[in-house]
Amino acid sequence: MRISFADSRPAATHALAVVLAPATISGAALSVLPESTQALARAAAQANRFDGENGAVVEFFGETDAAHRRLLLVGIGSKNDFE
């Protein structure tokens, strides 16, 4: 698997990953998504008991950039999880 990070969202992406730490699902972390998709992301996270724990992933489909895309919420854990 190849993972890369960009300063801006690539135009031809097939999937968009939003990286989240614990307790950030209700904050500004989802601001990269349209409001309607933010609500969908929160609902998907709640339905899957996603809390931003290291390695946790939630997959759903939502609208970004006037297109429907595969979206991933990816948990990175808290600062204490890093070495």
N, C-alpha and C. Protein backbone atom coordinates (compact mmCIF):
# COMPACT_ATOMS: atom_id res chain seq x y z
N MET A 1 0.84 -1.16 0.00
CA MET A 1 0.00 0.00 0.00
C MET A 1 0.90 1.24 0.00
N ARG A 2 0.52 2.18 -0.80
CA ARG A 2 1.28 3.43 -0.88
C ARG A 2 0.45 4.55 -0.27
N ILE A 3 1.00 5.21 0.72
CA ILE A 3 0.32 6.31 1.39
C ILE A 3 1.17 7.57 1.22
N SER A 4 0.52 8.65 0.81
CA SER A 4 1.25 9.91 0.68
C SER A 4 0.40 11.03 1.26
N PHE A 5 1.06 12.11 1.64
CA PHE A 5 0.39 13.27 2.22
C PHE A 5 0.60 14.46 1.30
N ALA A 6 -0.41 15.30 1.19
CA ALA A 6 -0.34 16.47 0.31
C ALA A 6 -0.78 17.71 1.07
N ASP A 7 -0.25 18.86 0.65
CA ASP A 7 -0.64 20.13 1.26
C ASP A 7 -2.07 20.52 0.89
N SER A 8 -2.50 20.09 -0.28
CA SER A 8 -3.87 20.37 -0.73
C SER A 8 -4.47 19.07 -1.27
N ARG A 9 -5.77 19.03 -1.37
CA ARG A 9 -6.46 17.83 -1.81
C ARG A 9 -6.26 17.62 -3.31
N PRO A 10 -5.70 16.47 -3.72
CA PRO A 10 -5.55 16.19 -5.16
C PRO A 10 -6.90 16.12 -5.85
N ALA A 11 -6.97 16.58 -7.09
CA ALA A 11 -8.24 16.63 -7.81
C ALA A 11 -8.77 15.26 -8.21
N ALA A 12 -7.91 14.32 -8.48
CA ALA A 12 -8.35 13.02 -9.00
C ALA A 12 -8.27 11.90 -7.96
N THR A 13 -8.48 12.22 -6.71
CA THR A 13 -8.39 11.18 -5.70
C THR A 13 -9.60 10.26 -5.76
N HIS A 14 -9.37 9.00 -5.46
CA HIS A 14 -10.46 8.03 -5.40
C HIS A 14 -10.94 7.86 -3.97
N ALA A 15 -10.05 8.14 -3.02
CA ALA A 15 -10.41 8.05 -1.60
C ALA A 15 -9.74 9.21 -0.88
N LEU A 16 -10.39 9.66 0.17
CA LEU A 16 -9.85 10.74 0.99
C LEU A 16 -9.81 10.25 2.42
N ALA A 17 -8.64 10.29 3.03
CA ALA A 17 -8.49 9.89 4.43
C ALA A 17 -8.41 11.13 5.30
N VAL A 18 -9.19 11.15 6.36
CA VAL A 18 -9.15 12.23 7.35
C VAL A 18 -8.57 11.62 8.62
N VAL A 19 -7.43 12.13 9.04
CA VAL A 19 -6.73 11.59 10.20
C VAL A 19 -7.24 12.30 11.45
N LEU A 20 -7.62 11.50 12.45
CA LEU A 20 -8.23 12.05 13.67
C LEU A 20 -7.60 11.47 14.92
N ALA A 21 -7.41 12.31 15.91
CA ALA A 21 -6.98 11.88 17.23
C ALA A 21 -8.23 11.72 18.10
N PRO A 22 -8.11 11.05 19.24
CA PRO A 22 -9.27 10.92 20.13
C PRO A 22 -9.87 12.28 20.49
N ALA A 23 -11.18 12.33 20.59
CA ALA A 23 -11.93 13.52 20.99
C ALA A 23 -11.87 14.66 19.99
N THR A 24 -11.47 14.41 18.74
CA THR A 24 -11.44 15.48 17.74
C THR A 24 -12.55 15.34 16.70
N ILE A 25 -13.35 14.31 16.80
CA ILE A 25 -14.41 14.07 15.82
C ILE A 25 -15.45 15.18 15.83
N SER A 26 -15.63 15.84 16.94
CA SER A 26 -16.63 16.91 17.01
C SER A 26 -16.02 18.29 16.80
N GLY A 27 -14.72 18.36 16.63
CA GLY A 27 -14.06 19.66 16.49
C GLY A 27 -13.75 20.02 15.05
N ALA A 28 -12.69 20.77 14.86
CA ALA A 28 -12.31 21.29 13.56
C ALA A 28 -11.69 20.25 12.64
N ALA A 29 -11.43 19.06 13.14
CA ALA A 29 -10.76 18.04 12.34
C ALA A 29 -11.52 17.69 11.08
N LEU A 30 -12.84 17.78 11.11
CA LEU A 30 -13.65 17.44 9.94
C LEU A 30 -13.94 18.64 9.05
N SER A 31 -13.36 19.79 9.35
CA SER A 31 -13.67 21.01 8.59
C SER A 31 -13.22 20.93 7.13
N VAL A 32 -12.41 19.95 6.78
CA VAL A 32 -12.00 19.78 5.39
C VAL A 32 -13.14 19.22 4.53
N LEU A 33 -14.21 18.77 5.18
CA LEU A 33 -15.36 18.20 4.48
C LEU A 33 -16.52 19.19 4.44
N PRO A 34 -17.39 19.08 3.43
CA PRO A 34 -18.60 19.92 3.43
C PRO A 34 -19.46 19.62 4.66
N GLU A 35 -20.28 20.58 5.09
CA GLU A 35 -21.09 20.41 6.30
C GLU A 35 -21.94 19.16 6.28
N SER A 36 -22.59 18.88 5.15
CA SER A 36 -23.45 17.69 5.08
C SER A 36 -22.63 16.41 5.24
N THR A 37 -21.42 16.41 4.73
CA THR A 37 -20.56 15.24 4.85
C THR A 37 -19.98 15.15 6.26
N GLN A 38 -19.77 16.29 6.92
CA GLN A 38 -19.31 16.26 8.31
C GLN A 38 -20.34 15.54 9.19
N ALA A 39 -21.61 15.85 8.97
CA ALA A 39 -22.68 15.20 9.74
C ALA A 39 -22.69 13.70 9.47
N LEU A 40 -22.50 13.33 8.21
CA LEU A 40 -22.45 11.92 7.84
C LEU A 40 -21.23 11.24 8.48
N ALA A 41 -20.10 11.93 8.51
CA ALA A 41 -18.89 11.38 9.13
C ALA A 41 -19.10 11.14 10.62
N ARG A 42 -19.72 12.10 11.29
CA ARG A 42 -19.99 11.94 12.73
C ARG A 42 -20.93 10.75 12.98
N ALA A 43 -21.95 10.62 12.12
CA ALA A 43 -22.89 9.51 12.26
C ALA A 43 -22.20 8.18 12.00
N ALA A 44 -21.35 8.12 10.98
CA ALA A 44 -20.61 6.89 10.68
C ALA A 44 -19.67 6.54 11.83
N ALA A 45 -19.00 7.55 12.38
CA ALA A 45 -18.09 7.32 13.51
C ALA A 45 -18.85 6.78 14.72
N GLN A 46 -19.98 7.38 15.02
CA GLN A 46 -20.77 6.95 16.17
C GLN A 46 -21.31 5.53 15.95
N ALA A 47 -21.79 5.24 14.76
CA ALA A 47 -22.34 3.91 14.48
C ALA A 47 -21.27 2.82 14.56
N ASN A 48 -20.03 3.19 14.30
CA ASN A 48 -18.92 2.22 14.34
C ASN A 48 -18.10 2.31 15.62
N ARG A 49 -18.57 3.12 16.56
CA ARG A 49 -17.86 3.32 17.84
C ARG A 49 -16.42 3.79 17.62
N PHE A 50 -16.25 4.61 16.61
CA PHE A 50 -14.93 5.17 16.30
C PHE A 50 -14.62 6.29 17.27
N ASP A 51 -13.44 6.24 17.88
CA ASP A 51 -13.07 7.29 18.83
C ASP A 51 -11.69 7.89 18.55
N GLY A 52 -11.12 7.58 17.39
CA GLY A 52 -9.79 8.11 17.05
C GLY A 52 -8.66 7.27 17.59
N GLU A 53 -8.97 6.10 18.13
CA GLU A 53 -7.94 5.21 18.67
C GLU A 53 -6.96 4.82 17.57
N ASN A 54 -5.72 4.66 17.94
CA ASN A 54 -4.65 4.31 17.01
C ASN A 54 -5.03 3.06 16.20
N GLY A 55 -5.04 3.20 14.88
CA GLY A 55 -5.32 2.08 14.00
C GLY A 55 -6.79 1.88 13.65
N ALA A 56 -7.69 2.61 14.29
CA ALA A 56 -9.12 2.47 14.00
C ALA A 56 -9.44 3.15 12.66
N VAL A 57 -10.31 2.51 11.88
CA VAL A 57 -10.68 3.05 10.57
C VAL A 57 -12.19 2.89 10.37
N VAL A 58 -12.82 3.93 9.85
CA VAL A 58 -14.22 3.88 9.45
C VAL A 58 -14.27 4.27 7.98
N GLU A 59 -14.94 3.47 7.18
CA GLU A 59 -15.08 3.75 5.75
C GLU A 59 -16.54 4.08 5.44
N PHE A 60 -16.75 5.13 4.65
CA PHE A 60 -18.09 5.47 4.20
C PHE A 60 -17.97 6.27 2.91
N PHE A 61 -19.08 6.55 2.29
CA PHE A 61 -19.08 7.32 1.05
C PHE A 61 -19.82 8.63 1.28
N GLY A 62 -19.25 9.72 0.77
CA GLY A 62 -19.86 11.02 0.95
C GLY A 62 -19.42 11.97 -0.14
N GLU A 63 -20.01 13.14 -0.15
CA GLU A 63 -19.71 14.12 -1.19
C GLU A 63 -18.56 15.03 -0.76
N THR A 64 -17.59 15.14 -1.64
CA THR A 64 -16.51 16.12 -1.50
C THR A 64 -16.19 16.64 -2.88
N ASP A 65 -15.94 17.91 -3.00
CA ASP A 65 -15.58 18.51 -4.29
C ASP A 65 -16.60 18.18 -5.37
N ALA A 66 -17.88 18.21 -5.05
CA ALA A 66 -18.97 17.95 -5.99
C ALA A 66 -18.92 16.56 -6.60
N ALA A 67 -18.31 15.63 -5.89
CA ALA A 67 -18.27 14.23 -6.34
C ALA A 67 -18.44 13.33 -5.12
N HIS A 68 -18.97 12.16 -5.33
CA HIS A 68 -19.08 11.19 -4.24
C HIS A 68 -17.81 10.35 -4.23
N ARG A 69 -17.23 10.27 -3.06
CA ARG A 69 -15.94 9.57 -2.92
C ARG A 69 -15.97 8.64 -1.71
N ARG A 70 -15.03 7.73 -1.73
CA ARG A 70 -14.79 6.87 -0.58
C ARG A 70 -14.03 7.70 0.44
N LEU A 71 -14.55 7.76 1.64
CA LEU A 71 -13.93 8.55 2.71
C LEU A 71 -13.53 7.62 3.84
N LEU A 72 -12.39 7.89 4.42
CA LEU A 72 -11.88 7.09 5.53
C LEU A 72 -11.59 8.00 6.72
N LEU A 73 -12.09 7.63 7.86
CA LEU A 73 -11.69 8.28 9.11
C LEU A 73 -10.63 7.35 9.70
N VAL A 74 -9.45 7.88 9.94
CA VAL A 74 -8.33 7.07 10.40
C VAL A 74 -7.86 7.59 11.75
N GLY A 75 -7.88 6.73 12.76
CA GLY A 75 -7.46 7.12 14.10
C GLY A 75 -5.95 7.04 14.26
N ILE A 76 -5.37 8.07 14.88
CA ILE A 76 -3.92 8.08 15.13
C ILE A 76 -3.59 7.97 16.61
N GLY A 77 -4.58 7.89 17.44
CA GLY A 77 -4.34 7.77 18.86
C GLY A 77 -3.97 9.10 19.49
N SER A 78 -3.68 9.06 20.76
CA SER A 78 -3.31 10.29 21.49
C SER A 78 -1.80 10.50 21.46
N LYS A 79 -1.37 11.65 21.95
CA LYS A 79 0.07 11.95 22.00
C LYS A 79 0.83 10.88 22.78
N ASN A 80 0.20 10.32 23.76
CA ASN A 80 0.85 9.30 24.60
C ASN A 80 1.12 8.01 23.83
N ASP A 81 0.45 7.82 22.69
CA ASP A 81 0.66 6.61 21.88
C ASP A 81 1.91 6.70 21.01
N PHE A 82 2.48 7.90 20.87
CA PHE A 82 3.66 8.07 20.03
C PHE A 82 4.92 7.82 20.83
N GLU A 83 5.93 7.30 20.15
CA GLU A 83 7.21 7.02 20.83
C GLU A 83 8.07 8.25 20.88
